[in-house]
């Protein structure tokens, strides 16, 4: 899979990194002009690009004023910055970093484009880059295994979450790594109830109690804030028209209500494992 290589450095201060997002400054700002796709990369006033790690989804530490269970969410956030080489990370209560040692760390990213919000969807690496910045690199499974993306999945601190931008061989490797982490009881997996279901009695059911796929969490947060009955959640999902494909069957659906079930009026669950779903990028 060819992806654009960009070298640079990771930065934490005045940002809110979690288990799958972090800020990055390119060594050569002109490299951002080489990023493909229909969505332009959005840089901050300090020339930071916000990265969204490709192929993974960690528990939310801050989403529209809500968070997922913080022990697991914070474990993912701490592990990512540790892997990037940061220590002594200090945060405000709102998750904003005030200081770290060092202030930045060198590294590289491999990307095929940005999302709707201008965040760069990337594989994140450290150490010697696998080529020259600003050039396309073939990303295979051995290279994937050297990334933070693979590390977070292998540690059981993120769910595999796939969009069409990621090639099949890389998806299969991340899925296998997630299955191994789950079998070993690592990270979030002992607490995961995405498939068995969570009984929704209020927002706290998913912010404080149940560990579920973050994509499901975000949809539930958006819905529960409307104050509507949980039993109507499928109708809400149908209105969102999120395209999704079930990889094991090849079935393609328009709307997450085809893969998210509500039973007994308040029990919400995924009907397929996270790694069996392929989402369309917005």
C-alpha atoms as a PDB file:
ATOM      1  CA  UNK A   1       0.000   0.000   0.000  1.00  0.00           C
ATOM      2  CA  UNK A   2       1.644   3.312  -1.047  1.00  0.00           C
ATOM      3  CA  UNK A   3       1.500   6.122   1.501  1.00  0.00           C
ATOM      4  CA  UNK A   4       3.156   9.530   1.704  1.00  0.00           C
ATOM      5  CA  UNK A   5       6.054   9.716   4.163  1.00  0.00           C
ATOM      6  CA  UNK A   6       6.454  12.942   6.135  1.00  0.00           C
ATOM      7  CA  UNK A   7       9.129  13.431   8.786  1.00  0.00           C
ATOM      8  CA  UNK A   8       8.775  15.836  11.670  1.00  0.00           C
ATOM      9  CA  UNK A   9       8.132  15.948  15.395  1.00  0.00           C
ATOM     10  CA  UNK A  10       5.328  15.244  17.841  1.00  0.00           C
ATOM     11  CA  UNK A  11       4.149  17.940  20.264  1.00  0.00           C
ATOM     12  CA  UNK A  12       1.915  17.770  23.341  1.00  0.00           C
ATOM     13  CA  UNK A  13       1.819  21.165  25.082  1.00  0.00           C
ATOM     14  CA  UNK A  14      -1.500  22.997  24.833  1.00  0.00           C
ATOM     15  CA  UNK A  15      -3.096  20.008  23.063  1.00  0.00           C
ATOM     16  CA  UNK A  16      -5.353  17.168  24.242  1.00  0.00           C
ATOM     17  CA  UNK A  17      -3.750  13.943  22.979  1.00  0.00           C
ATOM     18  CA  UNK A  18      -5.604  10.718  23.675  1.00  0.00           C
ATOM     19  CA  UNK A  19      -5.056   7.132  22.608  1.00  0.00           C
ATOM     20  CA  UNK A  20      -5.441   7.786  18.886  1.00  0.00           C
ATOM     21  CA  UNK A  21      -4.785  11.492  18.281  1.00  0.00           C
ATOM     22  CA  UNK A  22      -1.651  13.631  18.630  1.00  0.00           C
ATOM     23  CA  UNK A  23      -0.185  16.800  17.105  1.00  0.00           C
ATOM     24  CA  UNK A  24       2.681  16.757  14.598  1.00  0.00           C
ATOM     25  CA  UNK A  25       4.849  19.393  12.903  1.00  0.00           C
ATOM     26  CA  UNK A  26       6.358  18.518   9.527  1.00  0.00           C
ATOM     27  CA  UNK A  27      10.045  19.249   8.986  1.00  0.00           C
ATOM     28  CA  UNK A  28       9.048  20.703   5.626  1.00  0.00           C
ATOM     29  CA  UNK A  29       5.657  22.405   5.641  1.00  0.00           C
ATOM     30  CA  UNK A  30       5.492  22.093   1.854  1.00  0.00           C
ATOM     31  CA  UNK A  31       5.082  18.318   2.304  1.00  0.00           C
ATOM     32  CA  UNK A  32       1.475  18.914   3.379  1.00  0.00           C
ATOM     33  CA  UNK A  33       0.694  20.021  -0.159  1.00  0.00           C
ATOM     34  CA  UNK A  34       1.528  16.488  -1.310  1.00  0.00           C
ATOM     35  CA  UNK A  35      -1.159  14.822   0.802  1.00  0.00           C
ATOM     36  CA  UNK A  36      -3.779  13.274  -1.466  1.00  0.00           C
ATOM     37  CA  UNK A  37      -7.529  12.960  -1.038  1.00  0.00           C
ATOM     38  CA  UNK A  38     -10.397  15.405  -1.283  1.00  0.00           C
ATOM     39  CA  UNK A  39      -9.974  17.008   2.151  1.00  0.00           C
ATOM     40  CA  UNK A  40      -7.186  19.570   2.697  1.00  0.00           C
ATOM     41  CA  UNK A  41      -4.953  19.287   5.752  1.00  0.00           C
ATOM     42  CA  UNK A  42      -5.801  21.901   8.370  1.00  0.00           C
ATOM     43  CA  UNK A  43      -2.870  23.373  10.315  1.00  0.00           C
ATOM     44  CA  UNK A  44      -3.045  25.340  13.549  1.00  0.00           C
ATOM     45  CA  UNK A  45      -1.514  28.796  13.981  1.00  0.00           C
ATOM     46  CA  UNK A  46       1.586  26.999  15.288  1.00  0.00           C
ATOM     47  CA  UNK A  47       1.765  24.832  12.126  1.00  0.00           C
ATOM     48  CA  UNK A  48       0.571  21.747  13.983  1.00  0.00           C
ATOM     49  CA  UNK A  49      -1.322  19.075  12.092  1.00  0.00           C
ATOM     50  CA  UNK A  50      -3.681  16.995  14.214  1.00  0.00           C
ATOM     51  CA  UNK A  51      -3.167  13.301  13.515  1.00  0.00           C
ATOM     52  CA  UNK A  52      -5.831  10.635  13.712  1.00  0.00           C
ATOM     53  CA  UNK A  53      -4.215   7.220  13.907  1.00  0.00           C
ATOM     54  CA  UNK A  54      -5.281   5.020  10.985  1.00  0.00           C
ATOM     55  CA  UNK A  55      -7.099   1.758  11.682  1.00  0.00           C
ATOM     56  CA  UNK A  56      -7.624   2.177  15.430  1.00  0.00           C
ATOM     57  CA  UNK A  57     -10.072   3.831  17.808  1.00  0.00           C
ATOM     58  CA  UNK A  58      -9.195   4.367  21.477  1.00  0.00           C
ATOM     59  CA  UNK A  59     -11.652   5.231  24.230  1.00  0.00           C
ATOM     60  CA  UNK A  60     -12.698   8.870  24.277  1.00  0.00           C
ATOM     61  CA  UNK A  61     -11.290  11.142  26.985  1.00  0.00           C
ATOM     62  CA  UNK A  62     -13.260  14.139  25.710  1.00  0.00           C
ATOM     63  CA  UNK A  63     -16.126  14.079  23.245  1.00  0.00           C
ATOM     64  CA  UNK A  64     -18.668  16.908  23.352  1.00  0.00           C
ATOM     65  CA  UNK A  65     -18.218  17.144  27.100  1.00  0.00           C
ATOM     66  CA  UNK A  66     -18.409  13.367  27.641  1.00  0.00           C
ATOM     67  CA  UNK A  67     -15.831  10.641  28.122  1.00  0.00           C
ATOM     68  CA  UNK A  68     -15.665   6.872  28.245  1.00  0.00           C
ATOM     69  CA  UNK A  69     -14.582   5.020  31.406  1.00  0.00           C
ATOM     70  CA  UNK A  70     -11.462   6.949  32.350  1.00  0.00           C
ATOM     71  CA  UNK A  71      -9.209   4.182  33.717  1.00  0.00           C
ATOM     72  CA  UNK A  72      -9.095   2.527  30.284  1.00  0.00           C
ATOM     73  CA  UNK A  73      -9.233   5.808  28.327  1.00  0.00           C
ATOM     74  CA  UNK A  74      -6.361   7.308  30.294  1.00  0.00           C
ATOM     75  CA  UNK A  75      -4.345   4.093  29.997  1.00  0.00           C
ATOM     76  CA  UNK A  76      -4.506   4.415  26.194  1.00  0.00           C
ATOM     77  CA  UNK A  77      -3.593   8.111  26.234  1.00  0.00           C
ATOM     78  CA  UNK A  78      -0.633   7.473  28.543  1.00  0.00           C
ATOM     79  CA  UNK A  79       0.625   4.567  26.460  1.00  0.00           C
ATOM     80  CA  UNK A  80       0.606   6.502  23.193  1.00  0.00           C
ATOM     81  CA  UNK A  81       2.637   9.435  24.508  1.00  0.00           C
ATOM     82  CA  UNK A  82       4.990   7.027  26.277  1.00  0.00           C
ATOM     83  CA  UNK A  83       5.545   5.121  23.016  1.00  0.00           C
ATOM     84  CA  UNK A  84       6.323   8.432  21.303  1.00  0.00           C
ATOM     85  CA  UNK A  85       9.041   9.100  23.881  1.00  0.00           C
ATOM     86  CA  UNK A  86       7.362  11.512  26.310  1.00  0.00           C
ATOM     87  CA  UNK A  87       7.569  11.324  30.107  1.00  0.00           C
ATOM     88  CA  UNK A  88       6.367  13.511  32.989  1.00  0.00           C
ATOM     89  CA  UNK A  89       3.284  14.576  31.048  1.00  0.00           C
ATOM     90  CA  UNK A  90       1.240  17.072  33.041  1.00  0.00           C
ATOM     91  CA  UNK A  91      -2.415  17.794  32.211  1.00  0.00           C
ATOM     92  CA  UNK A  92      -5.198  20.090  33.271  1.00  0.00           C
ATOM     93  CA  UNK A  93      -8.540  18.553  34.313  1.00  0.00           C
ATOM     94  CA  UNK A  94      -9.808  19.146  30.758  1.00  0.00           C
ATOM     95  CA  UNK A  95      -6.992  16.860  29.441  1.00  0.00           C
ATOM     96  CA  UNK A  96      -4.901  19.744  28.038  1.00  0.00           C
ATOM     97  CA  UNK A  97      -1.153  19.095  28.377  1.00  0.00           C
ATOM     98  CA  UNK A  98       0.740  21.823  30.230  1.00  0.00           C
ATOM     99  CA  UNK A  99       4.228  20.271  30.178  1.00  0.00           C
ATOM    100  CA  UNK A 100       6.162  17.165  29.149  1.00  0.00           C
ATOM    101  CA  UNK A 101       9.697  15.822  28.976  1.00  0.00           C
ATOM    102  CA  UNK A 102      10.931  16.473  26.338  1.00  0.00           C
ATOM    103  CA  UNK A 103       8.832  19.233  24.742  1.00  0.00           C
ATOM    104  CA  UNK A 104       8.832  17.355  21.417  1.00  0.00           C
ATOM    105  CA  UNK A 105      10.029  14.055  19.979  1.00  0.00           C
ATOM    106  CA  UNK A 106      11.144  13.240  16.418  1.00  0.00           C
ATOM    107  CA  UNK A 107       9.263  10.822  14.220  1.00  0.00           C
ATOM    108  CA  UNK A 108       7.428  10.312  10.983  1.00  0.00           C
ATOM    109  CA  UNK A 109       3.998   9.604   9.605  1.00  0.00           C
ATOM    110  CA  UNK A 110       2.642   7.661   6.645  1.00  0.00           C
ATOM    111  CA  UNK A 111      -0.585   9.037   5.243  1.00  0.00           C
ATOM    112  CA  UNK A 112      -3.031   8.769   2.377  1.00  0.00           C
ATOM    113  CA  UNK A 113      -5.154  11.792   3.212  1.00  0.00           C
ATOM    114  CA  UNK A 114      -7.072  13.866   5.732  1.00  0.00           C
ATOM    115  CA  UNK A 115     -10.554  13.441   7.156  1.00  0.00           C
ATOM    116  CA  UNK A 116     -13.510  15.800   6.856  1.00  0.00           C
ATOM    117  CA  UNK A 117     -12.128  17.932   9.700  1.00  0.00           C
ATOM    118  CA  UNK A 118      -8.660  18.295   8.182  1.00  0.00           C
ATOM    119  CA  UNK A 119      -7.047  15.813  10.567  1.00  0.00           C
ATOM    120  CA  UNK A 120      -4.313  13.743   8.932  1.00  0.00           C
ATOM    121  CA  UNK A 121      -5.169  10.031   8.926  1.00  0.00           C
ATOM    122  CA  UNK A 122      -1.824   8.376   9.524  1.00  0.00           C
ATOM    123  CA  UNK A 123       0.334   5.511  10.585  1.00  0.00           C
ATOM    124  CA  UNK A 124       2.708   6.900  13.211  1.00  0.00           C
ATOM    125  CA  UNK A 125       6.348   5.922  13.495  1.00  0.00           C
ATOM    126  CA  UNK A 126       9.511   6.745  15.398  1.00  0.00           C
ATOM    127  CA  UNK A 127      13.206   6.170  14.814  1.00  0.00           C
ATOM    128  CA  UNK A 128      14.799   6.086  11.373  1.00  0.00           C
ATOM    129  CA  UNK A 129      12.213   6.862   8.684  1.00  0.00           C
ATOM    130  CA  UNK A 130      11.769   4.239   5.952  1.00  0.00           C
ATOM    131  CA  UNK A 131      12.630   6.668   3.147  1.00  0.00           C
ATOM    132  CA  UNK A 132      12.806  10.311   2.118  1.00  0.00           C
ATOM    133  CA  UNK A 133      10.213  12.764   3.396  1.00  0.00           C
ATOM    134  CA  UNK A 134       7.791  13.864   0.710  1.00  0.00           C
ATOM    135  CA  UNK A 135       7.916  10.576  -1.202  1.00  0.00           C
ATOM    136  CA  UNK A 136       5.531   7.640  -1.437  1.00  0.00           C
ATOM    137  CA  UNK A 137       6.493   4.525   0.518  1.00  0.00           C
ATOM    138  CA  UNK A 138       5.082   1.019   0.138  1.00  0.00           C
ATOM    139  CA  UNK A 139       3.624   0.096   3.516  1.00  0.00           C
ATOM    140  CA  UNK A 140       3.582  -3.634   4.183  1.00  0.00           C
ATOM    141  CA  UNK A 141       2.840  -5.659   7.301  1.00  0.00           C
ATOM    142  CA  UNK A 142       6.442  -5.572   8.655  1.00  0.00           C
ATOM    143  CA  UNK A 143       6.412  -1.766   8.485  1.00  0.00           C
ATOM    144  CA  UNK A 144       2.926  -1.606  10.029  1.00  0.00           C
ATOM    145  CA  UNK A 145       4.203  -3.627  12.990  1.00  0.00           C
ATOM    146  CA  UNK A 146       6.684  -0.838  13.771  1.00  0.00           C
ATOM    147  CA  UNK A 147       3.982   1.816  14.151  1.00  0.00           C
ATOM    148  CA  UNK A 148       2.145   3.194  17.162  1.00  0.00           C
ATOM    149  CA  UNK A 149      -1.079   2.039  15.511  1.00  0.00           C
ATOM    150  CA  UNK A 150      -0.044  -1.620  15.703  1.00  0.00           C
ATOM    151  CA  UNK A 151       1.393  -1.150  19.191  1.00  0.00           C
ATOM    152  CA  UNK A 152      -1.849   0.251  20.588  1.00  0.00           C
ATOM    153  CA  UNK A 153      -3.867  -2.612  19.119  1.00  0.00           C
ATOM    154  CA  UNK A 154      -1.368  -5.226  20.356  1.00  0.00           C
ATOM    155  CA  UNK A 155      -1.512  -3.749  23.860  1.00  0.00           C
ATOM    156  CA  UNK A 156      -5.298  -4.074  23.851  1.00  0.00           C
ATOM    157  CA  UNK A 157      -5.723  -0.324  24.286  1.00  0.00           C
ATOM    158  CA  UNK A 158      -7.644   0.411  21.097  1.00  0.00           C
ATOM    159  CA  UNK A 159     -10.253  -1.233  18.901  1.00  0.00           C
ATOM    160  CA  UNK A 160      -9.597  -2.022  15.251  1.00  0.00           C
ATOM    161  CA  UNK A 161     -11.737   0.464  13.334  1.00  0.00           C
ATOM    162  CA  UNK A 162     -11.439   0.425   9.578  1.00  0.00           C
ATOM    163  CA  UNK A 163     -12.211   2.833   6.773  1.00  0.00           C
ATOM    164  CA  UNK A 164     -11.750   2.199   3.076  1.00  0.00           C
ATOM    165  CA  UNK A 165      -8.441   4.043   3.010  1.00  0.00           C
ATOM    166  CA  UNK A 166      -6.662   1.071   4.619  1.00  0.00           C
ATOM    167  CA  UNK A 167      -5.665  -1.900   2.456  1.00  0.00           C
ATOM    168  CA  UNK A 168      -6.837  -5.426   3.222  1.00  0.00           C
ATOM    169  CA  UNK A 169      -3.466  -6.889   4.277  1.00  0.00           C
ATOM    170  CA  UNK A 170      -3.011  -4.167   6.886  1.00  0.00           C
ATOM    171  CA  UNK A 171      -6.586  -4.572   8.131  1.00  0.00           C
ATOM    172  CA  UNK A 172      -6.066  -8.312   8.532  1.00  0.00           C
ATOM    173  CA  UNK A 173      -2.900  -7.785  10.559  1.00  0.00           C
ATOM    174  CA  UNK A 174      -4.555  -5.285  12.898  1.00  0.00           C
ATOM    175  CA  UNK A 175      -7.532  -7.601  13.313  1.00  0.00           C
ATOM    176  CA  UNK A 176      -5.246 -10.518  14.179  1.00  0.00           C
ATOM    177  CA  UNK A 177      -3.324  -8.388  16.680  1.00  0.00           C
ATOM    178  CA  UNK A 178      -6.605  -7.301  18.311  1.00  0.00           C
ATOM    179  CA  UNK A 179      -7.804 -10.899  18.545  1.00  0.00           C
ATOM    180  CA  UNK A 180      -4.543 -11.919  20.211  1.00  0.00           C
ATOM    181  CA  UNK A 181      -4.823  -9.056  22.695  1.00  0.00           C
ATOM    182  CA  UNK A 182      -8.415  -9.997  23.466  1.00  0.00           C
ATOM    183  CA  UNK A 183      -7.519 -13.666  23.974  1.00  0.00           C
ATOM    184  CA  UNK A 184      -4.739 -12.613  26.344  1.00  0.00           C
ATOM    185  CA  UNK A 185      -7.094 -10.351  28.308  1.00  0.00           C
ATOM    186  CA  UNK A 186      -5.032  -7.245  27.656  1.00  0.00           C
ATOM    187  CA  UNK A 187      -6.064  -3.630  28.087  1.00  0.00           C
ATOM    188  CA  UNK A 188      -9.733  -2.829  27.576  1.00  0.00           C
ATOM    189  CA  UNK A 189     -10.802  -6.287  26.425  1.00  0.00           C
ATOM    190  CA  UNK A 190     -11.759  -7.787  29.804  1.00  0.00           C
ATOM    191  CA  UNK A 191     -14.229  -4.908  30.233  1.00  0.00           C
ATOM    192  CA  UNK A 192     -15.540  -4.709  26.664  1.00  0.00           C
ATOM    193  CA  UNK A 193     -19.299  -5.216  26.291  1.00  0.00           C
ATOM    194  CA  UNK A 194     -19.720  -4.075  22.691  1.00  0.00           C
ATOM    195  CA  UNK A 195     -21.085  -7.459  21.594  1.00  0.00           C
ATOM    196  CA  UNK A 196     -22.836  -8.568  24.795  1.00  0.00           C
ATOM    197  CA  UNK A 197     -24.506  -5.192  25.183  1.00  0.00           C
ATOM    198  CA  UNK A 198     -24.896  -2.336  27.638  1.00  0.00           C
ATOM    199  CA  UNK A 199     -28.139  -1.504  29.468  1.00  0.00           C
ATOM    200  CA  UNK A 200     -28.668   2.229  28.964  1.00  0.00           C
ATOM    201  CA  UNK A 201     -30.188   3.890  32.016  1.00  0.00           C
ATOM    202  CA  UNK A 202     -28.605   7.275  31.309  1.00  0.00           C
ATOM    203  CA  UNK A 203     -25.445   8.866  29.966  1.00  0.00           C
ATOM    204  CA  UNK A 204     -23.421   7.506  32.879  1.00  0.00           C
ATOM    205  CA  UNK A 205     -24.036   3.991  31.576  1.00  0.00           C
ATOM    206  CA  UNK A 206     -21.459   4.658  28.861  1.00  0.00           C
ATOM    207  CA  UNK A 207     -19.340   7.411  30.429  1.00  0.00           C
ATOM    208  CA  UNK A 208     -18.599   5.717  33.753  1.00  0.00           C
ATOM    209  CA  UNK A 209     -19.576   2.066  33.476  1.00  0.00           C
ATOM    210  CA  UNK A 210     -19.511   0.262  30.129  1.00  0.00           C
ATOM    211  CA  UNK A 211     -16.548  -0.063  27.749  1.00  0.00           C
ATOM    212  CA  UNK A 212     -17.808  -0.113  24.161  1.00  0.00           C
ATOM    213  CA  UNK A 213     -16.556   0.658  20.679  1.00  0.00           C
ATOM    214  CA  UNK A 214     -15.935   4.427  20.577  1.00  0.00           C
ATOM    215  CA  UNK A 215     -17.911   4.841  17.354  1.00  0.00           C
ATOM    216  CA  UNK A 216     -20.956   3.361  19.113  1.00  0.00           C
ATOM    217  CA  UNK A 217     -20.247   5.549  22.147  1.00  0.00           C
ATOM    218  CA  UNK A 218     -20.178   8.716  20.034  1.00  0.00           C
ATOM    219  CA  UNK A 219     -23.480   7.901  18.354  1.00  0.00           C
ATOM    220  CA  UNK A 220     -25.064   7.149  21.733  1.00  0.00           C
ATOM    221  CA  UNK A 221     -23.804  10.418  23.228  1.00  0.00           C
ATOM    222  CA  UNK A 222     -25.251  12.382  20.319  1.00  0.00           C
ATOM    223  CA  UNK A 223     -28.569  10.560  20.695  1.00  0.00           C
ATOM    224  CA  UNK A 224     -28.918  10.555  24.479  1.00  0.00           C
ATOM    225  CA  UNK A 225     -28.429  14.313  24.584  1.00  0.00           C
ATOM    226  CA  UNK A 226     -31.668  14.589  22.606  1.00  0.00           C
ATOM    227  CA  UNK A 227     -33.565  13.095  25.540  1.00  0.00           C
ATOM    228  CA  UNK A 228     -35.335  10.476  23.426  1.00  0.00           C
ATOM    229  CA  UNK A 229     -36.161   6.860  24.434  1.00  0.00           C
ATOM    230  CA  UNK A 230     -33.360   4.341  23.908  1.00  0.00           C
ATOM    231  CA  UNK A 231     -35.766   2.155  21.919  1.00  0.00           C
ATOM    232  CA  UNK A 232     -35.813   4.836  19.187  1.00  0.00           C
ATOM    233  CA  UNK A 233     -32.027   4.766  18.770  1.00  0.00           C
ATOM    234  CA  UNK A 234     -32.175   2.616  15.583  1.00  0.00           C
ATOM    235  CA  UNK A 235     -34.383   5.225  13.909  1.00  0.00           C
ATOM    236  CA  UNK A 236     -31.831   7.900  14.787  1.00  0.00           C
ATOM    237  CA  UNK A 237     -29.041   5.780  13.280  1.00  0.00           C
ATOM    238  CA  UNK A 238     -31.073   5.222  10.123  1.00  0.00           C
ATOM    239  CA  UNK A 239     -31.284   8.968   9.693  1.00  0.00           C
ATOM    240  CA  UNK A 240     -27.506   9.335   9.879  1.00  0.00           C
ATOM    241  CA  UNK A 241     -27.053   7.145   6.783  1.00  0.00           C
ATOM    242  CA  UNK A 242     -23.552   5.952   7.747  1.00  0.00           C
ATOM    243  CA  UNK A 243     -22.409   3.456   5.069  1.00  0.00           C
ATOM    244  CA  UNK A 244     -20.917   0.260   6.503  1.00  0.00           C
ATOM    245  CA  UNK A 245     -19.819  -3.079   5.048  1.00  0.00           C
ATOM    246  CA  UNK A 246     -19.723  -6.362   6.984  1.00  0.00           C
ATOM    247  CA  UNK A 247     -16.416  -7.847   5.853  1.00  0.00           C
ATOM    248  CA  UNK A 248     -17.235 -11.465   6.679  1.00  0.00           C
ATOM    249  CA  UNK A 249     -20.338 -11.483   4.458  1.00  0.00           C
ATOM    250  CA  UNK A 250     -19.655  -8.675   1.996  1.00  0.00           C
ATOM    251  CA  UNK A 251     -23.014  -7.081   2.834  1.00  0.00           C
ATOM    252  CA  UNK A 252     -23.097  -3.308   2.431  1.00  0.00           C
ATOM    253  CA  UNK A 253     -25.608  -1.237   4.358  1.00  0.00           C
ATOM    254  CA  UNK A 254     -26.583   2.414   4.591  1.00  0.00           C
ATOM    255  CA  UNK A 255     -27.080   3.118   8.276  1.00  0.00           C
ATOM    256  CA  UNK A 256     -25.508   1.709  11.445  1.00  0.00           C
ATOM    257  CA  UNK A 257     -28.900   0.417  12.575  1.00  0.00           C
ATOM    258  CA  UNK A 258     -28.053  -2.628  10.441  1.00  0.00           C
ATOM    259  CA  UNK A 259     -25.116  -3.524  12.727  1.00  0.00           C
ATOM    260  CA  UNK A 260     -26.273  -2.034  16.053  1.00  0.00           C
ATOM    261  CA  UNK A 261     -29.186  -3.681  17.857  1.00  0.00           C
ATOM    262  CA  UNK A 262     -31.505  -2.537  20.635  1.00  0.00           C
ATOM    263  CA  UNK A 263     -33.379  -5.221  22.593  1.00  0.00           C
ATOM    264  CA  UNK A 264     -35.682  -5.110  25.631  1.00  0.00           C
ATOM    265  CA  UNK A 265     -36.034  -1.395  25.005  1.00  0.00           C
ATOM    266  CA  UNK A 266     -32.672  -0.401  26.503  1.00  0.00           C
ATOM    267  CA  UNK A 267     -29.941  -3.005  25.765  1.00  0.00           C
ATOM    268  CA  UNK A 268     -27.636  -1.745  23.004  1.00  0.00           C
ATOM    269  CA  UNK A 269     -25.041  -3.936  21.296  1.00  0.00           C
ATOM    270  CA  UNK A 270     -22.992  -4.407  18.151  1.00  0.00           C
ATOM    271  CA  UNK A 271     -24.071  -7.371  16.039  1.00  0.00           C
ATOM    272  CA  UNK A 272     -20.549  -7.879  14.624  1.00  0.00           C
ATOM    273  CA  UNK A 273     -17.027  -7.500  16.067  1.00  0.00           C
ATOM    274  CA  UNK A 274     -15.381  -4.152  15.394  1.00  0.00           C
ATOM    275  CA  UNK A 275     -12.797  -5.716  13.087  1.00  0.00           C
ATOM    276  CA  UNK A 276     -15.562  -7.158  10.892  1.00  0.00           C
ATOM    277  CA  UNK A 277     -16.877  -3.719   9.972  1.00  0.00           C
ATOM    278  CA  UNK A 278     -15.635  -1.403   7.231  1.00  0.00           C
ATOM    279  CA  UNK A 279     -16.854   2.187   7.368  1.00  0.00           C
ATOM    280  CA  UNK A 280     -16.924   4.840   4.678  1.00  0.00           C
ATOM    281  CA  UNK A 281     -14.982   7.982   5.469  1.00  0.00           C
ATOM    282  CA  UNK A 282     -17.235  11.023   5.701  1.00  0.00           C
END
